[in-house]
Amino acid sequence: MNEKTTPTEKIKELRNLSCAGIMDCKKALADANGQLQKALEILQQKGLTSADKKTTRLAKEGLIECYLHTGGKLGAIIEINCETDFVAKQQKFQDLAKNIAMQIAACPAVKYIRTEDIPNEVINLEKNIESSKDDLNKKTEDIKEKIITNRTKKKLAELTLLNQAYIRDPSITVEELIKQHIAILGENIQIRRFQRFELGETQKHN
């Protein structure tokens, strides 16, 4: 199917699903031979590519969002930034903030936003813990080093918010969720800081 024969109904449906522009929807449907799902995947792939470019842009607007679990004994607060107040007022951006706040409340092991935020002393501690495990005793040094590196990498990922599987769709990470919204909303989106609260718990602020 080419652009001239693309049904208007499909363009509208694809636009509603993707929030992409009319011309982008027409081209995606043309490239997908009229297959709606394939066209949506094309738009998502292109959107995530452009989202990567937007992540370096300055984000100083946004909002502070909180989540309080039923019973009032568990909650989280997050500052999430975008580029303009216009996007900060969009329902999709506000829903994203709420969902990430809920994610934080559900992840007690998460202490940092990204791996780069983890202090060297924490990284070294995790390496030492993995190095001392008994199952490595009979491994050669090169194999042992690979195992330690992989296990440490996995442990550090467990401590970071962006690497978490999104609780509402475990097929994507929180980082991928944010990139999807960057593609949809057209602005850089960054998590600046967060804090998880559990009744009776003593904890340092991020």
Protein backbone atom coordinates (compact mmCIF):
# COMPACT_ATOMS: atom_id res chain seq x y z
CA MET A 1 0.00 0.00 0.00
CA ASN A 2 1.34 3.44 -0.90
CA GLU A 3 0.59 6.80 0.72
CA LYS A 4 -2.08 7.71 -1.83
CA THR A 5 -4.16 4.63 -1.05
CA THR A 6 -3.74 4.67 2.73
CA PRO A 7 -7.24 4.67 4.28
CA THR A 8 -7.99 7.73 6.39
CA GLU A 9 -9.37 5.51 9.14
CA LYS A 10 -6.05 3.70 9.51
CA ILE A 11 -4.14 6.96 9.67
CA LYS A 12 -6.44 8.22 12.42
CA GLU A 13 -6.17 4.95 14.33
CA LEU A 14 -2.38 4.89 14.07
CA ARG A 15 -2.19 8.52 15.13
CA ASN A 16 -4.33 7.80 18.21
CA LEU A 17 -2.11 4.86 19.13
CA SER A 18 1.21 6.59 18.58
CA CYS A 19 0.53 10.33 19.01
CA ALA A 20 2.71 10.80 15.90
CA GLY A 21 2.04 13.38 13.19
CA ILE A 22 -0.27 12.70 10.24
CA MET A 23 2.54 12.59 7.67
CA ASP A 24 4.63 10.29 9.85
CA CYS A 25 1.63 7.95 10.21
CA LYS A 26 1.02 7.95 6.45
CA LYS A 27 4.64 7.11 5.71
CA ALA A 28 4.79 4.39 8.37
CA LEU A 29 1.66 2.76 6.96
CA ALA A 30 3.11 2.96 3.48
CA ASP A 31 6.37 1.36 4.65
CA ALA A 32 4.36 -1.33 6.48
CA ASN A 33 2.14 -2.07 3.46
CA GLY A 34 -0.91 -0.98 5.40
CA GLN A 35 -0.29 -3.25 8.41
CA LEU A 36 -1.26 -1.23 11.46
CA GLN A 37 0.83 -3.10 14.04
CA LYS A 38 3.92 -3.06 11.86
CA ALA A 39 3.43 0.67 11.21
CA LEU A 40 3.20 1.26 14.95
CA GLU A 41 6.47 -0.62 15.48
CA ILE A 42 8.15 1.49 12.79
CA LEU A 43 7.04 4.69 14.52
CA GLN A 44 8.19 3.41 17.90
CA GLN A 45 11.62 2.49 16.54
CA LYS A 46 12.04 5.89 14.91
CA GLY A 47 10.74 7.60 18.03
CA LEU A 48 13.20 5.85 20.31
CA THR A 49 16.04 6.78 17.97
CA SER A 50 15.08 10.44 18.10
CA ALA A 51 14.54 10.11 21.86
CA ASP A 52 18.20 9.18 22.31
CA LYS A 53 19.19 12.48 20.67
CA LYS A 54 16.89 14.47 22.95
CA THR A 55 18.36 13.10 26.20
CA THR A 56 21.21 15.63 26.13
CA ARG A 57 18.90 18.65 26.01
CA LEU A 58 18.38 20.78 29.11
CA ALA A 59 15.36 19.80 31.23
CA LYS A 60 14.54 22.29 34.01
CA GLU A 61 10.74 22.22 34.09
CA GLY A 62 8.61 19.34 35.31
CA LEU A 63 6.94 18.41 38.56
CA ILE A 64 7.24 16.70 41.91
CA GLU A 65 4.97 13.69 42.21
CA CYS A 66 4.26 11.39 45.14
CA TYR A 67 2.68 7.97 45.61
CA LEU A 68 1.17 6.72 48.84
CA HIS A 69 0.35 3.04 49.13
CA THR A 70 -2.94 1.94 50.65
CA GLY A 71 -2.65 2.01 54.44
CA GLY A 72 -0.22 4.92 54.49
CA LYS A 73 2.83 2.89 55.54
CA LEU A 74 4.71 3.05 52.24
CA GLY A 75 5.25 5.88 49.78
CA ALA A 76 7.60 7.58 47.35
CA ILE A 77 8.30 11.06 46.04
CA ILE A 78 10.02 11.95 42.77
CA GLU A 79 11.21 15.03 40.91
CA ILE A 80 10.94 14.46 37.17
CA ASN A 81 12.02 17.11 34.68
CA CYS A 82 11.09 18.07 31.13
CA GLU A 83 11.96 21.06 28.97
CA THR A 84 8.79 23.16 29.12
CA ASP A 85 5.90 23.88 31.44
CA PHE A 86 3.58 22.98 28.55
CA VAL A 87 4.73 19.35 28.60
CA ALA A 88 4.76 19.29 32.41
CA LYS A 89 1.02 19.97 32.30
CA GLN A 90 0.32 17.16 29.83
CA GLN A 91 -1.62 14.19 31.22
CA LYS A 92 0.84 11.70 29.70
CA PHE A 93 3.75 13.34 31.52
CA GLN A 94 1.83 13.44 34.80
CA ASP A 95 0.83 9.79 34.43
CA LEU A 96 4.46 8.90 33.77
CA ALA A 97 5.50 10.65 36.99
CA LYS A 98 2.82 8.80 38.97
CA ASN A 99 3.77 5.43 37.54
CA ILE A 100 7.47 5.92 38.27
CA ALA A 101 6.67 7.03 41.83
CA MET A 102 4.67 3.81 42.22
CA GLN A 103 7.61 1.87 40.77
CA ILE A 104 9.95 3.36 43.37
CA ALA A 105 7.61 2.41 46.19
CA ALA A 106 7.55 -1.17 44.90
CA CYS A 107 11.36 -1.49 44.68
CA PRO A 108 13.00 -1.40 48.14
CA ALA A 109 16.42 -2.37 46.74
CA VAL A 110 16.62 0.64 44.42
CA LYS A 111 18.90 3.39 45.79
CA TYR A 112 20.17 5.19 42.69
CA ILE A 113 18.80 6.53 39.41
CA ARG A 114 21.46 5.11 37.09
CA THR A 115 24.58 2.95 37.38
CA GLU A 116 26.81 6.00 36.94
CA ASP A 117 25.42 7.38 40.22
CA ILE A 118 26.66 4.47 42.31
CA PRO A 119 29.68 5.43 44.50
CA ASN A 120 32.95 3.57 43.92
CA GLU A 121 32.92 2.22 47.47
CA VAL A 122 29.59 0.49 46.80
CA ILE A 123 30.88 -0.96 43.52
CA ASN A 124 34.05 -2.22 45.19
CA LEU A 125 32.06 -3.74 48.05
CA GLU A 126 29.87 -5.68 45.61
CA LYS A 127 32.97 -6.90 43.74
CA ASN A 128 34.53 -8.09 47.00
CA ILE A 129 31.36 -9.92 47.98
CA GLU A 130 31.23 -11.71 44.63
CA SER A 131 34.96 -12.47 44.71
CA SER A 132 34.67 -14.27 48.05
CA LYS A 133 31.95 -16.72 47.00
CA ASP A 134 32.91 -20.38 47.32
CA ASP A 135 31.68 -21.47 43.88
CA LEU A 136 34.56 -19.53 42.29
CA ASN A 137 37.35 -21.42 44.03
CA LYS A 138 37.96 -23.96 41.26
CA LYS A 139 37.56 -21.52 38.37
CA THR A 140 40.49 -20.28 36.32
CA GLU A 141 41.40 -16.63 36.82
CA ASP A 142 39.97 -15.42 33.50
CA ILE A 143 36.68 -17.28 33.99
CA LYS A 144 36.55 -16.14 37.60
CA GLU A 145 37.00 -12.50 36.54
CA LYS A 146 34.22 -12.75 33.94
CA ILE A 147 31.82 -14.27 36.47
CA ILE A 148 32.63 -11.58 39.05
CA THR A 149 32.15 -8.83 36.46
CA ASN A 150 28.81 -10.20 35.26
CA ARG A 151 27.48 -10.79 38.78
CA THR A 152 28.57 -7.34 39.92
CA LYS A 153 26.96 -5.73 36.88
CA LYS A 154 23.71 -7.56 37.61
CA LYS A 155 23.77 -6.51 41.28
CA LEU A 156 24.43 -2.87 40.41
CA ALA A 157 21.52 -2.94 37.96
CA GLU A 158 19.27 -4.13 40.78
CA LEU A 159 20.19 -0.98 42.72
CA THR A 160 19.27 1.44 39.92
CA LEU A 161 15.84 2.72 38.96
CA LEU A 162 16.37 3.00 35.20
CA ASN A 163 17.37 -0.66 34.94
CA GLN A 164 14.26 -1.98 36.66
CA ALA A 165 11.62 -3.89 34.71
CA TYR A 166 8.58 -1.63 34.55
CA ILE A 167 5.98 -3.04 36.96
CA ARG A 168 3.10 -2.45 34.55
CA ASP A 169 4.92 -3.94 31.55
CA PRO A 170 7.91 -6.12 32.53
CA SER A 171 8.93 -6.42 28.86
CA ILE A 172 10.47 -2.93 29.07
CA THR A 173 12.69 -1.15 31.58
CA VAL A 174 11.95 2.15 33.28
CA GLU A 175 14.57 3.73 31.02
CA GLU A 176 12.76 2.44 27.93
CA LEU A 177 9.46 3.70 29.34
CA ILE A 178 10.94 7.18 29.68
CA LYS A 179 12.35 7.06 26.14
CA GLN A 180 8.92 6.14 24.81
CA HIS A 181 7.51 9.26 26.46
CA ILE A 182 10.36 11.38 25.12
CA ALA A 183 9.40 10.19 21.65
CA ILE A 184 5.70 10.91 22.23
CA LEU A 185 6.04 14.26 23.99
CA GLY A 186 9.01 15.51 21.98
CA GLU A 187 11.10 16.71 24.92
CA ASN A 188 13.93 15.44 27.05
CA ILE A 189 12.68 13.82 30.27
CA GLN A 190 14.98 13.17 33.20
CA ILE A 191 14.52 11.88 36.74
CA ARG A 192 16.43 14.27 38.98
CA ARG A 193 15.93 12.68 42.41
CA PHE A 194 13.64 10.40 44.37
CA GLN A 195 13.04 9.08 47.85
CA ARG A 196 11.24 6.00 49.07
CA PHE A 197 9.60 6.04 52.51
CA GLU A 198 8.61 3.09 54.66
CA LEU A 199 7.10 3.59 58.10
CA GLY A 200 9.72 3.28 60.85
CA GLU A 201 12.65 3.15 58.42
CA THR A 202 15.75 5.32 58.76
CA GLN A 203 17.27 6.19 55.43
CA LYS A 204 19.56 8.71 53.76
CA HIS A 205 18.11 10.97 51.07
CA ASN A 206 19.24 10.62 47.47
